[in-house]
Amino acid sequence: MTEQGQYPDFKDLTKRLMAYGLRVFSEFSLRGNNGVLPGTGLSVEDFVGKVLLEYATGKIKHHKSRGLLMTVLGTAMRNDIIDALRKKSHGQRSIRDINP
């Protein structure tokens, strides 16, 4: 719920977060992978759902001093995508790791 006692428009947040998530995926050259983060099976929809669930359950809190709700949620989602990319890269070994 927002400070004014109103619930945010989750349909609008979903659309905006989807657009932003696609932009973040594109930034990491993940356009042609059927919309899924390789090695994780996670899609933009998965990241959007996670961040909205965390907001709805109070894990992500918003206060107007932190900026717009969309900015807070977008930043959280971007960080989740980057974390997933880092975890994926730690789980893979290249030939250089085996034969330095």
N, C-alpha and C. Protein backbone atom coordinates (compact mmCIF):
# COMPACT_ATOMS: atom_id res chain seq x y z
N MET A 1 0.85 -1.17 0.00
CA MET A 1 0.00 0.00 0.00
C MET A 1 0.90 1.24 0.00
N THR A 2 0.50 2.27 -0.67
CA THR A 2 1.28 3.50 -0.71
C THR A 2 1.01 4.33 0.53
N GLU A 3 1.81 5.38 0.70
CA GLU A 3 1.64 6.24 1.87
C GLU A 3 0.27 6.89 1.91
N GLN A 4 -0.33 7.10 0.76
CA GLN A 4 -1.65 7.73 0.72
C GLN A 4 -2.75 6.73 1.04
N GLY A 5 -2.37 5.48 1.37
CA GLY A 5 -3.36 4.48 1.72
C GLY A 5 -4.00 3.81 0.53
N GLN A 6 -3.45 4.02 -0.65
CA GLN A 6 -3.99 3.41 -1.86
C GLN A 6 -3.06 2.29 -2.32
N TYR A 7 -3.66 1.26 -2.90
CA TYR A 7 -2.86 0.19 -3.45
C TYR A 7 -2.34 0.62 -4.81
N PRO A 8 -1.09 0.23 -5.14
CA PRO A 8 -0.57 0.59 -6.46
C PRO A 8 -1.30 -0.21 -7.54
N ASP A 9 -1.24 0.27 -8.75
CA ASP A 9 -1.83 -0.41 -9.89
C ASP A 9 -0.86 -1.50 -10.33
N PHE A 10 -1.10 -2.73 -9.87
CA PHE A 10 -0.17 -3.83 -10.16
C PHE A 10 -0.14 -4.17 -11.64
N LYS A 11 -1.24 -3.96 -12.34
CA LYS A 11 -1.26 -4.23 -13.78
C LYS A 11 -0.30 -3.27 -14.48
N ASP A 12 -0.34 -2.01 -14.12
CA ASP A 12 0.56 -1.02 -14.71
C ASP A 12 2.01 -1.30 -14.31
N LEU A 13 2.24 -1.62 -13.04
CA LEU A 13 3.59 -1.96 -12.59
C LEU A 13 4.14 -3.15 -13.35
N THR A 14 3.31 -4.16 -13.58
CA THR A 14 3.74 -5.35 -14.31
C THR A 14 4.17 -4.98 -15.72
N LYS A 15 3.38 -4.18 -16.42
CA LYS A 15 3.72 -3.76 -17.79
C LYS A 15 5.02 -2.98 -17.81
N ARG A 16 5.16 -2.05 -16.88
CA ARG A 16 6.36 -1.21 -16.85
C ARG A 16 7.60 -2.01 -16.47
N LEU A 17 7.46 -2.93 -15.52
CA LEU A 17 8.59 -3.77 -15.13
C LEU A 17 8.97 -4.74 -16.25
N MET A 18 7.99 -5.24 -16.98
CA MET A 18 8.29 -6.12 -18.12
C MET A 18 9.12 -5.36 -19.16
N ALA A 19 8.70 -4.15 -19.48
CA ALA A 19 9.43 -3.35 -20.46
C ALA A 19 10.85 -3.09 -19.97
N TYR A 20 10.98 -2.75 -18.71
CA TYR A 20 12.30 -2.47 -18.15
C TYR A 20 13.15 -3.74 -18.12
N GLY A 21 12.55 -4.86 -17.74
CA GLY A 21 13.27 -6.13 -17.71
C GLY A 21 13.79 -6.53 -19.08
N LEU A 22 12.98 -6.31 -20.11
CA LEU A 22 13.43 -6.61 -21.47
C LEU A 22 14.61 -5.72 -21.86
N ARG A 23 14.57 -4.49 -21.40
CA ARG A 23 15.68 -3.56 -21.67
C ARG A 23 16.96 -4.04 -20.96
N VAL A 24 16.81 -4.49 -19.72
CA VAL A 24 17.98 -5.00 -18.97
C VAL A 24 18.52 -6.26 -19.65
N PHE A 25 17.65 -7.17 -20.05
CA PHE A 25 18.08 -8.38 -20.76
C PHE A 25 18.84 -7.98 -22.02
N SER A 26 18.31 -7.01 -22.75
CA SER A 26 18.96 -6.54 -23.97
C SER A 26 20.33 -5.95 -23.68
N GLU A 27 20.43 -5.24 -22.58
CA GLU A 27 21.70 -4.63 -22.17
C GLU A 27 22.79 -5.69 -21.99
N PHE A 28 22.40 -6.88 -21.56
CA PHE A 28 23.34 -7.98 -21.37
C PHE A 28 23.32 -8.95 -22.55
N SER A 29 22.83 -8.48 -23.69
CA SER A 29 22.80 -9.26 -24.94
C SER A 29 22.04 -10.57 -24.79
N LEU A 30 20.90 -10.52 -24.12
CA LEU A 30 20.09 -11.72 -23.90
C LEU A 30 18.82 -11.68 -24.75
N ARG A 31 18.86 -11.02 -25.87
CA ARG A 31 17.68 -10.85 -26.72
C ARG A 31 17.26 -12.12 -27.42
N GLY A 32 18.21 -12.87 -27.96
CA GLY A 32 17.87 -14.00 -28.81
C GLY A 32 17.77 -15.32 -28.10
N ASN A 33 17.59 -15.33 -26.82
CA ASN A 33 17.60 -16.58 -26.06
C ASN A 33 16.21 -16.98 -25.61
N ASN A 34 15.23 -16.79 -26.45
CA ASN A 34 13.84 -17.14 -26.13
C ASN A 34 13.37 -16.46 -24.86
N GLY A 35 13.96 -15.33 -24.52
CA GLY A 35 13.55 -14.59 -23.34
C GLY A 35 13.91 -15.24 -22.03
N VAL A 36 14.89 -16.16 -22.07
CA VAL A 36 15.29 -16.88 -20.86
C VAL A 36 16.78 -16.66 -20.62
N LEU A 37 17.13 -16.44 -19.38
CA LEU A 37 18.53 -16.28 -18.99
C LEU A 37 19.19 -17.65 -19.10
N PRO A 38 20.12 -17.82 -20.04
CA PRO A 38 20.75 -19.14 -20.25
C PRO A 38 21.37 -19.68 -18.96
N GLY A 39 21.20 -20.98 -18.76
CA GLY A 39 21.78 -21.63 -17.59
C GLY A 39 20.96 -21.50 -16.33
N THR A 40 19.91 -20.67 -16.36
CA THR A 40 19.08 -20.48 -15.17
C THR A 40 17.63 -20.86 -15.42
N GLY A 41 17.20 -20.73 -16.66
CA GLY A 41 15.80 -20.98 -16.99
C GLY A 41 14.87 -19.87 -16.56
N LEU A 42 15.43 -18.73 -16.12
CA LEU A 42 14.61 -17.62 -15.64
C LEU A 42 14.32 -16.62 -16.75
N SER A 43 13.06 -16.22 -16.86
CA SER A 43 12.63 -15.26 -17.86
C SER A 43 12.39 -13.90 -17.20
N VAL A 44 12.14 -12.91 -18.04
CA VAL A 44 11.80 -11.59 -17.52
C VAL A 44 10.56 -11.70 -16.64
N GLU A 45 9.60 -12.50 -17.06
CA GLU A 45 8.38 -12.69 -16.27
C GLU A 45 8.69 -13.22 -14.88
N ASP A 46 9.66 -14.11 -14.80
CA ASP A 46 10.05 -14.66 -13.49
C ASP A 46 10.60 -13.57 -12.58
N PHE A 47 11.44 -12.70 -13.13
CA PHE A 47 12.02 -11.62 -12.34
C PHE A 47 10.96 -10.60 -11.93
N VAL A 48 10.04 -10.30 -12.84
CA VAL A 48 8.95 -9.37 -12.52
C VAL A 48 8.09 -9.95 -11.40
N GLY A 49 7.72 -11.21 -11.54
CA GLY A 49 6.89 -11.86 -10.52
C GLY A 49 7.56 -11.88 -9.16
N LYS A 50 8.87 -12.15 -9.16
CA LYS A 50 9.61 -12.20 -7.89
C LYS A 50 9.61 -10.85 -7.20
N VAL A 51 9.91 -9.80 -7.95
CA VAL A 51 10.00 -8.48 -7.32
C VAL A 51 8.63 -7.99 -6.86
N LEU A 52 7.58 -8.27 -7.62
CA LEU A 52 6.24 -7.87 -7.19
C LEU A 52 5.78 -8.66 -5.96
N LEU A 53 6.12 -9.94 -5.92
CA LEU A 53 5.78 -10.75 -4.74
C LEU A 53 6.52 -10.23 -3.51
N GLU A 54 7.79 -9.91 -3.68
CA GLU A 54 8.56 -9.38 -2.55
C GLU A 54 7.99 -8.05 -2.07
N TYR A 55 7.51 -7.24 -2.99
CA TYR A 55 6.89 -5.97 -2.59
C TYR A 55 5.56 -6.23 -1.88
N ALA A 56 4.75 -7.12 -2.45
CA ALA A 56 3.42 -7.40 -1.89
C ALA A 56 3.51 -8.04 -0.50
N THR A 57 4.57 -8.80 -0.25
CA THR A 57 4.71 -9.46 1.04
C THR A 57 5.53 -8.65 2.04
N GLY A 58 5.99 -7.48 1.62
CA GLY A 58 6.70 -6.59 2.54
C GLY A 58 8.20 -6.78 2.59
N LYS A 59 8.74 -7.71 1.80
CA LYS A 59 10.19 -7.90 1.78
C LYS A 59 10.88 -6.68 1.17
N ILE A 60 10.26 -6.11 0.16
CA ILE A 60 10.73 -4.83 -0.41
C ILE A 60 9.78 -3.77 0.11
N LYS A 61 10.33 -2.81 0.77
CA LYS A 61 9.52 -1.72 1.32
C LYS A 61 9.79 -0.45 0.52
N HIS A 62 8.76 0.36 0.40
CA HIS A 62 8.91 1.61 -0.34
C HIS A 62 8.49 2.78 0.54
N HIS A 63 9.31 3.78 0.53
CA HIS A 63 8.98 5.04 1.18
C HIS A 63 9.31 6.12 0.16
N LYS A 64 8.48 7.14 0.11
CA LYS A 64 8.65 8.16 -0.93
C LYS A 64 10.02 8.82 -0.89
N SER A 65 10.70 8.78 0.26
CA SER A 65 12.05 9.36 0.34
C SER A 65 13.05 8.56 -0.49
N ARG A 66 12.72 7.31 -0.82
CA ARG A 66 13.59 6.46 -1.65
C ARG A 66 13.34 6.67 -3.13
N GLY A 67 12.37 7.49 -3.48
CA GLY A 67 12.06 7.71 -4.88
C GLY A 67 10.74 7.07 -5.26
N LEU A 68 10.50 7.00 -6.53
CA LEU A 68 9.26 6.41 -7.05
C LEU A 68 9.26 4.90 -6.82
N LEU A 69 8.08 4.34 -6.63
CA LEU A 69 7.94 2.91 -6.44
C LEU A 69 8.53 2.15 -7.63
N MET A 70 8.27 2.61 -8.84
CA MET A 70 8.78 1.95 -10.03
C MET A 70 10.31 1.92 -10.01
N THR A 71 10.93 2.98 -9.55
CA THR A 71 12.39 3.04 -9.49
C THR A 71 12.93 2.02 -8.49
N VAL A 72 12.30 1.94 -7.33
CA VAL A 72 12.73 0.98 -6.30
C VAL A 72 12.58 -0.45 -6.81
N LEU A 73 11.43 -0.77 -7.41
CA LEU A 73 11.19 -2.12 -7.90
C LEU A 73 12.09 -2.45 -9.09
N GLY A 74 12.28 -1.48 -9.98
CA GLY A 74 13.15 -1.68 -11.14
C GLY A 74 14.58 -1.94 -10.72
N THR A 75 15.05 -1.21 -9.74
CA THR A 75 16.41 -1.41 -9.24
C THR A 75 16.56 -2.79 -8.60
N ALA A 76 15.57 -3.18 -7.82
CA ALA A 76 15.61 -4.51 -7.19
C ALA A 76 15.63 -5.61 -8.25
N MET A 77 14.82 -5.45 -9.30
CA MET A 77 14.77 -6.45 -10.36
C MET A 77 16.09 -6.51 -11.13
N ARG A 78 16.64 -5.35 -11.45
CA ARG A 78 17.92 -5.30 -12.16
C ARG A 78 19.00 -5.99 -11.32
N ASN A 79 19.01 -5.74 -10.03
CA ASN A 79 19.99 -6.38 -9.16
C ASN A 79 19.79 -7.90 -9.14
N ASP A 80 18.53 -8.36 -9.16
CA ASP A 80 18.25 -9.80 -9.20
C ASP A 80 18.78 -10.42 -10.50
N ILE A 81 18.61 -9.72 -11.61
CA ILE A 81 19.11 -10.21 -12.91
C ILE A 81 20.63 -10.30 -12.88
N ILE A 82 21.27 -9.26 -12.39
CA ILE A 82 22.74 -9.25 -12.31
C ILE A 82 23.22 -10.36 -11.38
N ASP A 83 22.56 -10.55 -10.25
CA ASP A 83 22.93 -11.63 -9.33
C ASP A 83 22.81 -12.99 -10.01
N ALA A 84 21.74 -13.19 -10.79
CA ALA A 84 21.54 -14.46 -11.49
C ALA A 84 22.64 -14.67 -12.53
N LEU A 85 23.04 -13.61 -13.21
CA LEU A 85 24.13 -13.71 -14.18
C LEU A 85 25.45 -14.06 -13.49
N ARG A 86 25.70 -13.47 -12.35
CA ARG A 86 26.93 -13.75 -11.60
C ARG A 86 26.95 -15.20 -11.11
N LYS A 87 25.83 -15.66 -10.57
CA LYS A 87 25.76 -17.04 -10.09
C LYS A 87 25.98 -18.02 -11.24
N LYS A 88 25.41 -17.70 -12.39
CA LYS A 88 25.56 -18.55 -13.56
C LYS A 88 27.02 -18.60 -13.97
N SER A 89 27.69 -17.45 -13.98
CA SER A 89 29.08 -17.42 -14.42
C SER A 89 30.00 -18.12 -13.43
N HIS A 90 29.64 -18.14 -12.14
CA HIS A 90 30.45 -18.86 -11.16
C HIS A 90 30.29 -20.37 -11.30
N GLY A 91 29.17 -20.77 -11.83
CA GLY A 91 28.89 -22.20 -11.99
C GLY A 91 29.49 -22.79 -13.25
N GLN A 92 30.04 -21.96 -14.11
CA GLN A 92 30.62 -22.44 -15.36
C GLN A 92 32.13 -22.34 -15.30
N ARG A 93 32.78 -23.32 -15.89
CA ARG A 93 34.24 -23.28 -15.96
C ARG A 93 34.62 -23.31 -17.42
N SER A 94 35.55 -22.46 -17.77
CA SER A 94 36.01 -22.45 -19.15
C SER A 94 37.25 -23.33 -19.27
N ILE A 95 37.68 -23.58 -20.48
CA ILE A 95 38.87 -24.38 -20.72
C ILE A 95 40.10 -23.69 -20.09
N ARG A 96 40.09 -22.37 -20.02
CA ARG A 96 41.21 -21.66 -19.40
C ARG A 96 41.27 -21.93 -17.90
N ASP A 97 40.13 -22.17 -17.26
CA ASP A 97 40.12 -22.48 -15.83
C ASP A 97 40.75 -23.86 -15.57
N ILE A 98 40.59 -24.75 -16.52
CA ILE A 98 41.10 -26.10 -16.36
C ILE A 98 42.58 -26.17 -16.73
N ASN A 99 42.96 -25.51 -17.83
CA ASN A 99 44.34 -25.50 -18.31
C ASN A 99 44.85 -24.07 -18.39
N PRO A 100 45.31 -23.48 -17.30
CA PRO A 100 45.76 -22.09 -17.33
C PRO A 100 47.01 -21.86 -18.15
